[in-house]
């Protein structure tokens, strides 16, 4: 990765893994759940795509809880999908 300057001569690597963050995977799983009305599809996505998902299970539940509480009108379907997926994750006992 190319270094990213701080302006004082120090450098820090630029991370290009944005597409692999847990939040991005959770959002994709919510979208799959909303499209199919089957939270098992979202769960399967997370288990397949998230490296060491069993270690990130609790974080995913927290993210889904937050997303499920979104009151925005354009987020209504996705918020419901997040709540369904959260319940599925909690019951899966991963």
N, C-alpha and C. Protein backbone atom coordinates (compact mmCIF):
# COMPACT_ATOMS: atom_id res chain seq x y z
N UNK A 1 0.84 -1.18 0.00
CA UNK A 1 0.00 0.00 0.00
C UNK A 1 0.88 1.24 0.00
N UNK A 2 0.49 2.24 -0.74
CA UNK A 2 1.29 3.45 -0.73
C UNK A 2 1.15 4.17 0.60
N UNK A 3 2.22 4.85 1.04
CA UNK A 3 2.14 5.57 2.30
C UNK A 3 1.27 6.82 2.16
N UNK A 4 0.72 7.25 3.25
CA UNK A 4 -0.07 8.47 3.31
C UNK A 4 0.64 9.41 4.27
N UNK A 5 0.99 10.59 3.81
CA UNK A 5 1.76 11.51 4.63
C UNK A 5 0.92 12.21 5.69
N UNK A 6 1.59 12.56 6.80
CA UNK A 6 0.97 13.31 7.87
C UNK A 6 1.32 14.79 7.76
N UNK A 7 2.17 15.14 6.84
CA UNK A 7 2.60 16.52 6.71
C UNK A 7 3.84 16.83 7.53
N UNK A 8 4.27 15.89 8.37
CA UNK A 8 5.45 16.12 9.20
C UNK A 8 6.54 15.09 8.90
N UNK A 9 6.43 14.46 7.74
CA UNK A 9 7.43 13.49 7.36
C UNK A 9 7.08 12.05 7.71
N UNK A 10 6.14 11.86 8.64
CA UNK A 10 5.73 10.50 8.99
C UNK A 10 4.77 9.99 7.93
N UNK A 11 4.78 8.70 7.72
CA UNK A 11 3.84 8.10 6.76
C UNK A 11 3.05 7.00 7.44
N UNK A 12 1.91 6.75 6.89
CA UNK A 12 1.02 5.72 7.40
C UNK A 12 0.40 5.04 6.19
N UNK A 13 0.27 3.71 6.21
CA UNK A 13 -0.32 3.04 5.05
C UNK A 13 -1.78 3.44 4.87
N UNK A 14 -2.16 3.55 3.61
CA UNK A 14 -3.56 3.82 3.27
C UNK A 14 -4.25 2.47 3.15
N UNK A 15 -5.31 2.27 3.92
CA UNK A 15 -6.02 1.00 3.89
C UNK A 15 -7.07 1.02 2.81
N UNK A 16 -7.05 0.04 1.96
CA UNK A 16 -8.00 -0.05 0.85
C UNK A 16 -9.00 -1.17 1.08
N UNK A 17 -9.18 -1.58 2.33
CA UNK A 17 -10.05 -2.70 2.66
C UNK A 17 -11.47 -2.25 3.01
N UNK A 18 -11.85 -1.05 2.61
CA UNK A 18 -13.16 -0.52 2.97
C UNK A 18 -14.27 -1.49 2.60
N UNK A 19 -14.16 -2.16 1.46
CA UNK A 19 -15.18 -3.09 1.02
C UNK A 19 -15.25 -4.35 1.86
N UNK A 20 -14.31 -4.53 2.75
CA UNK A 20 -14.28 -5.75 3.56
C UNK A 20 -14.59 -5.48 5.03
N UNK A 21 -15.10 -4.32 5.36
CA UNK A 21 -15.39 -4.03 6.75
C UNK A 21 -16.65 -4.77 7.18
N UNK A 22 -16.76 -5.01 8.46
CA UNK A 22 -17.93 -5.70 8.99
C UNK A 22 -19.20 -4.92 8.67
N UNK A 23 -19.15 -3.61 8.80
CA UNK A 23 -20.34 -2.81 8.52
C UNK A 23 -20.81 -3.00 7.08
N UNK A 24 -19.90 -2.99 6.14
CA UNK A 24 -20.28 -3.19 4.72
C UNK A 24 -20.91 -4.56 4.52
N UNK A 25 -20.37 -5.58 5.17
CA UNK A 25 -20.94 -6.92 5.06
C UNK A 25 -22.33 -6.98 5.70
N UNK A 26 -22.48 -6.33 6.84
CA UNK A 26 -23.78 -6.30 7.51
C UNK A 26 -24.80 -5.59 6.64
N UNK A 27 -24.42 -4.48 6.03
CA UNK A 27 -25.34 -3.77 5.14
C UNK A 27 -25.74 -4.63 3.95
N UNK A 28 -24.80 -5.38 3.40
CA UNK A 28 -25.13 -6.28 2.29
C UNK A 28 -26.08 -7.38 2.76
N UNK A 29 -25.83 -7.92 3.93
CA UNK A 29 -26.71 -8.96 4.47
C UNK A 29 -28.12 -8.42 4.72
N UNK A 30 -28.22 -7.19 5.19
CA UNK A 30 -29.52 -6.55 5.38
C UNK A 30 -30.22 -6.41 4.03
N UNK A 31 -29.48 -5.99 3.03
CA UNK A 31 -30.06 -5.82 1.68
C UNK A 31 -30.56 -7.15 1.15
N UNK A 32 -29.78 -8.21 1.31
CA UNK A 32 -30.21 -9.54 0.86
C UNK A 32 -31.47 -9.98 1.60
N UNK A 33 -31.50 -9.71 2.89
CA UNK A 33 -32.67 -10.07 3.70
C UNK A 33 -33.89 -9.30 3.22
N UNK A 34 -33.73 -8.02 2.93
CA UNK A 34 -34.85 -7.20 2.46
C UNK A 34 -35.34 -7.67 1.10
N UNK A 35 -34.43 -8.02 0.21
CA UNK A 35 -34.81 -8.46 -1.15
C UNK A 35 -35.52 -9.80 -1.16
N UNK A 36 -35.07 -10.71 -0.30
CA UNK A 36 -35.58 -12.08 -0.34
C UNK A 36 -36.62 -12.36 0.73
N UNK A 37 -36.72 -11.47 1.72
CA UNK A 37 -37.59 -11.68 2.89
C UNK A 37 -37.21 -12.95 3.64
N UNK A 38 -35.94 -13.34 3.52
CA UNK A 38 -35.43 -14.54 4.19
C UNK A 38 -34.12 -14.18 4.92
N UNK A 39 -34.21 -13.96 6.22
CA UNK A 39 -32.98 -13.61 6.95
C UNK A 39 -31.91 -14.70 6.86
N UNK A 40 -32.30 -15.91 6.55
CA UNK A 40 -31.30 -16.97 6.39
C UNK A 40 -30.33 -16.65 5.25
N UNK A 41 -30.80 -15.91 4.25
CA UNK A 41 -29.92 -15.50 3.14
C UNK A 41 -28.86 -14.52 3.64
N UNK A 42 -29.27 -13.57 4.47
CA UNK A 42 -28.32 -12.62 5.04
C UNK A 42 -27.33 -13.30 5.97
N UNK A 43 -27.81 -14.24 6.76
CA UNK A 43 -26.93 -14.99 7.66
C UNK A 43 -25.91 -15.79 6.86
N UNK A 44 -26.36 -16.44 5.81
CA UNK A 44 -25.45 -17.22 4.97
C UNK A 44 -24.37 -16.32 4.37
N UNK A 45 -24.77 -15.11 3.95
CA UNK A 45 -23.80 -14.15 3.40
C UNK A 45 -22.73 -13.83 4.43
N UNK A 46 -23.17 -13.50 5.64
CA UNK A 46 -22.22 -13.14 6.68
C UNK A 46 -21.28 -14.30 7.00
N UNK A 47 -21.82 -15.49 7.13
CA UNK A 47 -21.00 -16.65 7.47
C UNK A 47 -19.99 -16.96 6.37
N UNK A 48 -20.37 -16.70 5.13
CA UNK A 48 -19.48 -17.00 4.00
C UNK A 48 -18.45 -15.90 3.77
N UNK A 49 -18.87 -14.65 3.88
CA UNK A 49 -18.03 -13.54 3.46
C UNK A 49 -17.17 -12.91 4.57
N UNK A 50 -17.61 -13.02 5.81
CA UNK A 50 -16.87 -12.36 6.90
C UNK A 50 -15.86 -13.34 7.48
N UNK A 51 -14.61 -12.96 7.37
CA UNK A 51 -13.54 -13.79 7.91
C UNK A 51 -13.69 -13.86 9.43
N UNK A 52 -13.59 -15.06 9.96
CA UNK A 52 -13.74 -15.29 11.41
C UNK A 52 -15.05 -14.71 11.94
N UNK A 53 -16.13 -14.99 11.24
CA UNK A 53 -17.42 -14.41 11.63
C UNK A 53 -17.80 -14.77 13.05
N UNK A 54 -17.47 -15.96 13.49
CA UNK A 54 -17.82 -16.35 14.85
C UNK A 54 -17.20 -15.41 15.89
N UNK A 55 -16.08 -14.78 15.55
CA UNK A 55 -15.44 -13.83 16.45
C UNK A 55 -16.06 -12.43 16.35
N UNK A 56 -16.83 -12.18 15.29
CA UNK A 56 -17.43 -10.87 15.09
C UNK A 56 -18.95 -10.89 15.23
N UNK A 57 -19.46 -12.03 15.64
CA UNK A 57 -20.89 -12.24 15.79
C UNK A 57 -21.55 -11.18 16.65
N UNK A 58 -21.00 -10.89 17.82
CA UNK A 58 -21.57 -9.91 18.75
C UNK A 58 -21.56 -8.52 18.14
N UNK A 59 -20.48 -8.16 17.46
CA UNK A 59 -20.40 -6.85 16.81
C UNK A 59 -21.47 -6.72 15.73
N UNK A 60 -21.69 -7.80 14.99
CA UNK A 60 -22.71 -7.78 13.94
C UNK A 60 -24.10 -7.58 14.54
N UNK A 61 -24.37 -8.21 15.66
CA UNK A 61 -25.66 -8.05 16.34
C UNK A 61 -25.84 -6.60 16.79
N UNK A 62 -24.79 -5.99 17.31
CA UNK A 62 -24.86 -4.60 17.75
C UNK A 62 -25.13 -3.67 16.56
N UNK A 63 -24.45 -3.90 15.46
CA UNK A 63 -24.68 -3.10 14.25
C UNK A 63 -26.12 -3.26 13.76
N UNK A 64 -26.60 -4.49 13.75
CA UNK A 64 -27.97 -4.75 13.30
C UNK A 64 -29.00 -4.11 14.23
N UNK A 65 -28.71 -4.11 15.52
CA UNK A 65 -29.62 -3.47 16.47
C UNK A 65 -29.72 -1.97 16.16
N UNK A 66 -28.59 -1.34 15.90
CA UNK A 66 -28.57 0.07 15.56
C UNK A 66 -29.33 0.33 14.26
N UNK A 67 -29.02 -0.46 13.24
CA UNK A 67 -29.67 -0.28 11.94
C UNK A 67 -31.17 -0.52 12.03
N UNK A 68 -31.57 -1.45 12.86
CA UNK A 68 -32.99 -1.78 13.02
C UNK A 68 -33.79 -0.69 13.70
N UNK A 69 -33.12 0.24 14.33
CA UNK A 69 -33.81 1.34 15.03
C UNK A 69 -33.91 2.61 14.19
N UNK A 70 -33.46 2.56 12.96
CA UNK A 70 -33.47 3.77 12.13
C UNK A 70 -34.90 4.15 11.78
N UNK A 71 -35.31 5.39 12.14
CA UNK A 71 -36.68 5.82 11.92
C UNK A 71 -36.93 6.49 10.57
N UNK A 72 -35.93 6.58 9.74
CA UNK A 72 -36.07 7.30 8.46
C UNK A 72 -37.04 6.57 7.54
N UNK A 73 -37.95 7.29 6.91
CA UNK A 73 -38.95 6.65 6.04
C UNK A 73 -38.33 5.82 4.92
N UNK A 74 -37.24 6.31 4.32
CA UNK A 74 -36.62 5.57 3.21
C UNK A 74 -35.82 4.36 3.71
N UNK A 75 -35.69 4.19 5.00
CA UNK A 75 -34.95 3.08 5.58
C UNK A 75 -35.89 2.04 6.19
N UNK A 76 -37.19 2.24 6.09
CA UNK A 76 -38.18 1.40 6.76
C UNK A 76 -38.01 -0.09 6.42
N UNK A 77 -37.93 -0.43 5.16
CA UNK A 77 -37.80 -1.84 4.74
C UNK A 77 -36.48 -2.43 5.24
N UNK A 78 -35.41 -1.66 5.11
CA UNK A 78 -34.11 -2.16 5.54
C UNK A 78 -34.02 -2.28 7.06
N UNK A 79 -34.66 -1.36 7.78
CA UNK A 79 -34.67 -1.45 9.25
C UNK A 79 -35.39 -2.72 9.69
N UNK A 80 -36.50 -3.03 9.04
CA UNK A 80 -37.22 -4.26 9.36
C UNK A 80 -36.36 -5.49 9.05
N UNK A 81 -35.67 -5.45 7.92
CA UNK A 81 -34.78 -6.55 7.55
C UNK A 81 -33.65 -6.70 8.57
N UNK A 82 -33.13 -5.57 9.06
CA UNK A 82 -32.06 -5.61 10.07
C UNK A 82 -32.57 -6.26 11.35
N UNK A 83 -33.81 -5.94 11.74
CA UNK A 83 -34.38 -6.56 12.95
C UNK A 83 -34.56 -8.07 12.75
N UNK A 84 -35.05 -8.47 11.58
CA UNK A 84 -35.22 -9.90 11.30
C UNK A 84 -33.87 -10.63 11.32
N UNK A 85 -32.90 -10.03 10.67
CA UNK A 85 -31.57 -10.64 10.60
C UNK A 85 -30.93 -10.72 11.98
N UNK A 86 -31.11 -9.68 12.78
CA UNK A 86 -30.58 -9.69 14.15
C UNK A 86 -31.17 -10.86 14.93
N UNK A 87 -32.47 -11.06 14.85
CA UNK A 87 -33.11 -12.18 15.53
C UNK A 87 -32.57 -13.51 15.06
N UNK A 88 -32.35 -13.63 13.78
CA UNK A 88 -31.81 -14.87 13.22
C UNK A 88 -30.40 -15.12 13.75
N UNK A 89 -29.58 -14.07 13.79
CA UNK A 89 -28.23 -14.22 14.32
C UNK A 89 -28.24 -14.63 15.78
N UNK A 90 -29.14 -14.03 16.55
CA UNK A 90 -29.20 -14.34 17.96
C UNK A 90 -29.65 -15.78 18.18
N UNK A 91 -30.54 -16.27 17.34
CA UNK A 91 -31.04 -17.64 17.46
C UNK A 91 -30.11 -18.68 16.85
N UNK A 92 -29.21 -18.23 15.99
CA UNK A 92 -28.31 -19.16 15.30
C UNK A 92 -27.27 -19.73 16.26
N UNK A 93 -26.94 -18.98 17.29
CA UNK A 93 -25.95 -19.46 18.26
C UNK A 93 -24.61 -19.69 17.62
N UNK A 94 -24.21 -18.80 16.74
CA UNK A 94 -22.94 -18.94 16.03
C UNK A 94 -21.81 -18.94 17.02
